[in-house]
Amino acid sequence: MANKKQTSKSVATKASAALRDGRSNARTKSIAGSALSQTKTNKSKKK
């Protein structure tokens, strides 16, 4: 069964800020990247 949990918009925003912050350590960036990989995307299929 697939995991259908997704990161909320507020958490995704904070994760994005953590990745852009030069002071964030590797562990923080790893967690932030993981959170962003679980966000809903707005990709549309081109035909």
PDB file of N, CA and C in Angstrom:
ATOM      1  N   MET A   1       0.844  -1.177   0.000  1.00  0.00           N
ATOM      2  CA  MET A   1       0.000   0.000   0.000  1.00  0.00           C
ATOM      3  C   MET A   1       0.891   1.242   0.000  1.00  0.00           C
ATOM      4  N   ALA A   2       0.545   2.191  -0.812  1.00  0.00           N
ATOM      5  CA  ALA A   2       1.333   3.418  -0.934  1.00  0.00           C
ATOM      6  C   ALA A   2       1.087   4.355   0.243  1.00  0.00           C
ATOM      7  N   ASN A   3       2.120   5.075   0.618  1.00  0.00           N
ATOM      8  CA  ASN A   3       2.010   6.075   1.674  1.00  0.00           C
ATOM      9  C   ASN A   3       1.401   7.334   1.068  1.00  0.00           C
ATOM     10  N   LYS A   4       0.243   7.747   1.536  1.00  0.00           N
ATOM     11  CA  LYS A   4      -0.458   8.883   0.946  1.00  0.00           C
ATOM     12  C   LYS A   4      -0.314  10.150   1.771  1.00  0.00           C
ATOM     13  N   LYS A   5       0.569  10.142   2.759  1.00  0.00           N
ATOM     14  CA  LYS A   5       0.770  11.328   3.586  1.00  0.00           C
ATOM     15  C   LYS A   5       1.552  12.369   2.802  1.00  0.00           C
ATOM     16  N   GLN A   6       1.172  13.635   2.991  1.00  0.00           N
ATOM     17  CA  GLN A   6       1.860  14.726   2.313  1.00  0.00           C
ATOM     18  C   GLN A   6       2.194  15.820   3.305  1.00  0.00           C
ATOM     19  N   THR A   7       3.284  16.513   3.035  1.00  0.00           N
ATOM     20  CA  THR A   7       3.721  17.616   3.879  1.00  0.00           C
ATOM     21  C   THR A   7       2.795  18.807   3.670  1.00  0.00           C
ATOM     22  N   SER A   8       2.415  19.469   4.764  1.00  0.00           N
ATOM     23  CA  SER A   8       1.539  20.637   4.668  1.00  0.00           C
ATOM     24  C   SER A   8       2.286  21.818   4.062  1.00  0.00           C
ATOM     25  N   LYS A   9       1.537  22.797   3.599  1.00  0.00           N
ATOM     26  CA  LYS A   9       2.129  23.973   2.971  1.00  0.00           C
ATOM     27  C   LYS A   9       3.018  24.736   3.948  1.00  0.00           C
ATOM     28  N   SER A  10       2.587  24.856   5.197  1.00  0.00           N
ATOM     29  CA  SER A  10       3.384  25.611   6.171  1.00  0.00           C
ATOM     30  C   SER A  10       4.710  24.911   6.474  1.00  0.00           C
ATOM     31  N   VAL A  11       4.688  23.597   6.567  1.00  0.00           N
ATOM     32  CA  VAL A  11       5.927  22.855   6.819  1.00  0.00           C
ATOM     33  C   VAL A  11       6.835  22.927   5.595  1.00  0.00           C
ATOM     34  N   ALA A  12       6.253  22.850   4.410  1.00  0.00           N
ATOM     35  CA  ALA A  12       7.044  22.943   3.184  1.00  0.00           C
ATOM     36  C   ALA A  12       7.720  24.304   3.070  1.00  0.00           C
ATOM     37  N   THR A  13       7.022  25.353   3.471  1.00  0.00           N
ATOM     38  CA  THR A  13       7.595  26.699   3.441  1.00  0.00           C
ATOM     39  C   THR A  13       8.783  26.800   4.390  1.00  0.00           C
ATOM     40  N   LYS A  14       8.638  26.240   5.581  1.00  0.00           N
ATOM     41  CA  LYS A  14       9.733  26.267   6.558  1.00  0.00           C
ATOM     42  C   LYS A  14      10.905  25.406   6.094  1.00  0.00           C
ATOM     43  N   ALA A  15      10.614  24.285   5.471  1.00  0.00           N
ATOM     44  CA  ALA A  15      11.674  23.419   4.955  1.00  0.00           C
ATOM     45  C   ALA A  15      12.441  24.117   3.841  1.00  0.00           C
ATOM     46  N   SER A  16      11.721  24.815   2.986  1.00  0.00           N
ATOM     47  CA  SER A  16      12.365  25.564   1.912  1.00  0.00           C
ATOM     48  C   SER A  16      13.282  26.641   2.472  1.00  0.00           C
ATOM     49  N   ALA A  17      12.821  27.327   3.495  1.00  0.00           N
ATOM     50  CA  ALA A  17      13.637  28.367   4.128  1.00  0.00           C
ATOM     51  C   ALA A  17      14.889  27.760   4.760  1.00  0.00           C
ATOM     52  N   ALA A  18      14.762  26.592   5.348  1.00  0.00           N
ATOM     53  CA  ALA A  18      15.913  25.930   5.969  1.00  0.00           C
ATOM     54  C   ALA A  18      16.955  25.551   4.924  1.00  0.00           C
ATOM     55  N   LEU A  19      16.496  25.127   3.749  1.00  0.00           N
ATOM     56  CA  LEU A  19      17.438  24.765   2.692  1.00  0.00           C
ATOM     57  C   LEU A  19      18.166  25.992   2.140  1.00  0.00           C
ATOM     58  N   ARG A  20      17.478  27.115   2.096  1.00  0.00           N
ATOM     59  CA  ARG A  20      18.087  28.344   1.576  1.00  0.00           C
ATOM     60  C   ARG A  20      18.994  29.028   2.587  1.00  0.00           C
ATOM     61  N   ASP A  21      18.808  28.722   3.862  1.00  0.00           N
ATOM     62  CA  ASP A  21      19.595  29.349   4.922  1.00  0.00           C
ATOM     63  C   ASP A  21      21.002  28.748   4.944  1.00  0.00           C
ATOM     64  N   GLY A  22      21.993  29.578   4.785  1.00  0.00           N
ATOM     65  CA  GLY A  22      23.370  29.115   4.768  1.00  0.00           C
ATOM     66  C   GLY A  22      23.851  28.587   6.103  1.00  0.00           C
ATOM     67  N   ARG A  23      23.143  28.893   7.173  1.00  0.00           N
ATOM     68  CA  ARG A  23      23.547  28.454   8.509  1.00  0.00           C
ATOM     69  C   ARG A  23      23.037  27.069   8.859  1.00  0.00           C
ATOM     70  N   SER A  24      22.153  26.498   8.046  1.00  0.00           N
ATOM     71  CA  SER A  24      21.587  25.174   8.336  1.00  0.00           C
ATOM     72  C   SER A  24      22.651  24.095   8.189  1.00  0.00           C
ATOM     73  N   ASN A  25      22.639  23.132   9.113  1.00  0.00           N
ATOM     74  CA  ASN A  25      23.610  22.037   9.025  1.00  0.00           C
ATOM     75  C   ASN A  25      23.083  20.930   8.107  1.00  0.00           C
ATOM     76  N   ALA A  26      23.911  19.945   7.856  1.00  0.00           N
ATOM     77  CA  ALA A  26      23.572  18.874   6.921  1.00  0.00           C
ATOM     78  C   ALA A  26      22.342  18.089   7.368  1.00  0.00           C
ATOM     79  N   ARG A  27      22.199  17.844   8.658  1.00  0.00           N
ATOM     80  CA  ARG A  27      21.048  17.080   9.169  1.00  0.00           C
ATOM     81  C   ARG A  27      19.751  17.841   8.917  1.00  0.00           C
ATOM     82  N   THR A  28      19.766  19.140   9.181  1.00  0.00           N
ATOM     83  CA  THR A  28      18.583  19.970   8.953  1.00  0.00           C
ATOM     84  C   THR A  28      18.209  19.968   7.481  1.00  0.00           C
ATOM     85  N   LYS A  29      19.200  20.098   6.619  1.00  0.00           N
ATOM     86  CA  LYS A  29      18.936  20.112   5.179  1.00  0.00           C
ATOM     87  C   LYS A  29      18.406  18.771   4.697  1.00  0.00           C
ATOM     88  N   SER A  30      18.881  17.693   5.288  1.00  0.00           N
ATOM     89  CA  SER A  30      18.400  16.367   4.928  1.00  0.00           C
ATOM     90  C   SER A  30      16.925  16.200   5.286  1.00  0.00           C
ATOM     91  N   ILE A  31      16.571  16.634   6.478  1.00  0.00           N
ATOM     92  CA  ILE A  31      15.176  16.543   6.926  1.00  0.00           C
ATOM     93  C   ILE A  31      14.285  17.451   6.081  1.00  0.00           C
ATOM     94  N   ALA A  32      14.763  18.654   5.790  1.00  0.00           N
ATOM     95  CA  ALA A  32      13.986  19.593   4.976  1.00  0.00           C
ATOM     96  C   ALA A  32      13.775  19.037   3.570  1.00  0.00           C
ATOM     97  N   GLY A  33      14.803  18.449   2.999  1.00  0.00           N
ATOM     98  CA  GLY A  33      14.678  17.850   1.670  1.00  0.00           C
ATOM     99  C   GLY A  33      13.686  16.703   1.660  1.00  0.00           C
ATOM    100  N   SER A  34      13.702  15.912   2.705  1.00  0.00           N
ATOM    101  CA  SER A  34      12.759  14.806   2.825  1.00  0.00           C
ATOM    102  C   SER A  34      11.325  15.324   2.900  1.00  0.00           C
ATOM    103  N   ALA A  35      11.135  16.384   3.678  1.00  0.00           N
ATOM    104  CA  ALA A  35       9.797  16.968   3.805  1.00  0.00           C
ATOM    105  C   ALA A  35       9.319  17.512   2.464  1.00  0.00           C
ATOM    106  N   LEU A  36      10.209  18.174   1.734  1.00  0.00           N
ATOM    107  CA  LEU A  36       9.816  18.746   0.446  1.00  0.00           C
ATOM    108  C   LEU A  36       9.541  17.668  -0.600  1.00  0.00           C
ATOM    109  N   SER A  37      10.193  16.540  -0.479  1.00  0.00           N
ATOM    110  CA  SER A  37       9.957  15.468  -1.447  1.00  0.00           C
ATOM    111  C   SER A  37       8.577  14.841  -1.267  1.00  0.00           C
ATOM    112  N   GLN A  38       7.933  15.118  -0.139  1.00  0.00           N
ATOM    113  CA  GLN A  38       6.612  14.563   0.137  1.00  0.00           C
ATOM    114  C   GLN A  38       5.494  15.586  -0.054  1.00  0.00           C
ATOM    115  N   THR A  39       5.801  16.708  -0.703  1.00  0.00           N
ATOM    116  CA  THR A  39       4.778  17.727  -0.923  1.00  0.00           C
ATOM    117  C   THR A  39       3.993  17.434  -2.192  1.00  0.00           C
ATOM    118  N   LYS A  40       2.818  17.972  -2.265  1.00  0.00           N
ATOM    119  CA  LYS A  40       1.996  17.842  -3.458  1.00  0.00           C
ATOM    120  C   LYS A  40       2.576  18.750  -4.533  1.00  0.00           C
ATOM    121  N   THR A  41       2.675  18.248  -5.736  1.00  0.00           N
ATOM    122  CA  THR A  41       3.209  19.055  -6.832  1.00  0.00           C
ATOM    123  C   THR A  41       2.079  19.520  -7.734  1.00  0.00           C
ATOM    124  N   ASN A  42       2.329  20.576  -8.444  1.00  0.00           N
ATOM    125  CA  ASN A  42       1.343  21.117  -9.382  1.00  0.00           C
ATOM    126  C   ASN A  42       1.773  20.870 -10.819  1.00  0.00           C
ATOM    127  N   LYS A  43       2.430  19.755 -11.047  1.00  0.00           N
ATOM    128  CA  LYS A  43       2.900  19.441 -12.391  1.00  0.00           C
ATOM    129  C   LYS A  43       1.709  19.054 -13.262  1.00  0.00           C
ATOM    130  N   SER A  44       1.657  19.636 -14.435  1.00  0.00           N
ATOM    131  CA  SER A  44       0.594  19.275 -15.369  1.00  0.00           C
ATOM    132  C   SER A  44       1.208  18.493 -16.521  1.00  0.00           C
ATOM    133  N   LYS A  45       0.463  17.547 -17.017  1.00  0.00           N
ATOM    134  CA  LYS A  45       0.949  16.734 -18.127  1.00  0.00           C
ATOM    135  C   LYS A  45       0.684  17.457 -19.434  1.00  0.00           C
ATOM    136  N   LYS A  46       1.737  17.593 -20.231  1.00  0.00           N
ATOM    137  CA  LYS A  46       1.596  18.228 -21.543  1.00  0.00           C
ATOM    138  C   LYS A  46       1.293  17.155 -22.568  1.00  0.00           C
ATOM    139  N   LYS A  47       0.362  17.462 -23.438  1.00  0.00           N
ATOM    140  CA  LYS A  47      -0.007  16.496 -24.477  1.00  0.00           C
ATOM    141  C   LYS A  47       0.405  17.001 -25.830  1.00  0.00           C
TER     142      LYS A  47
END
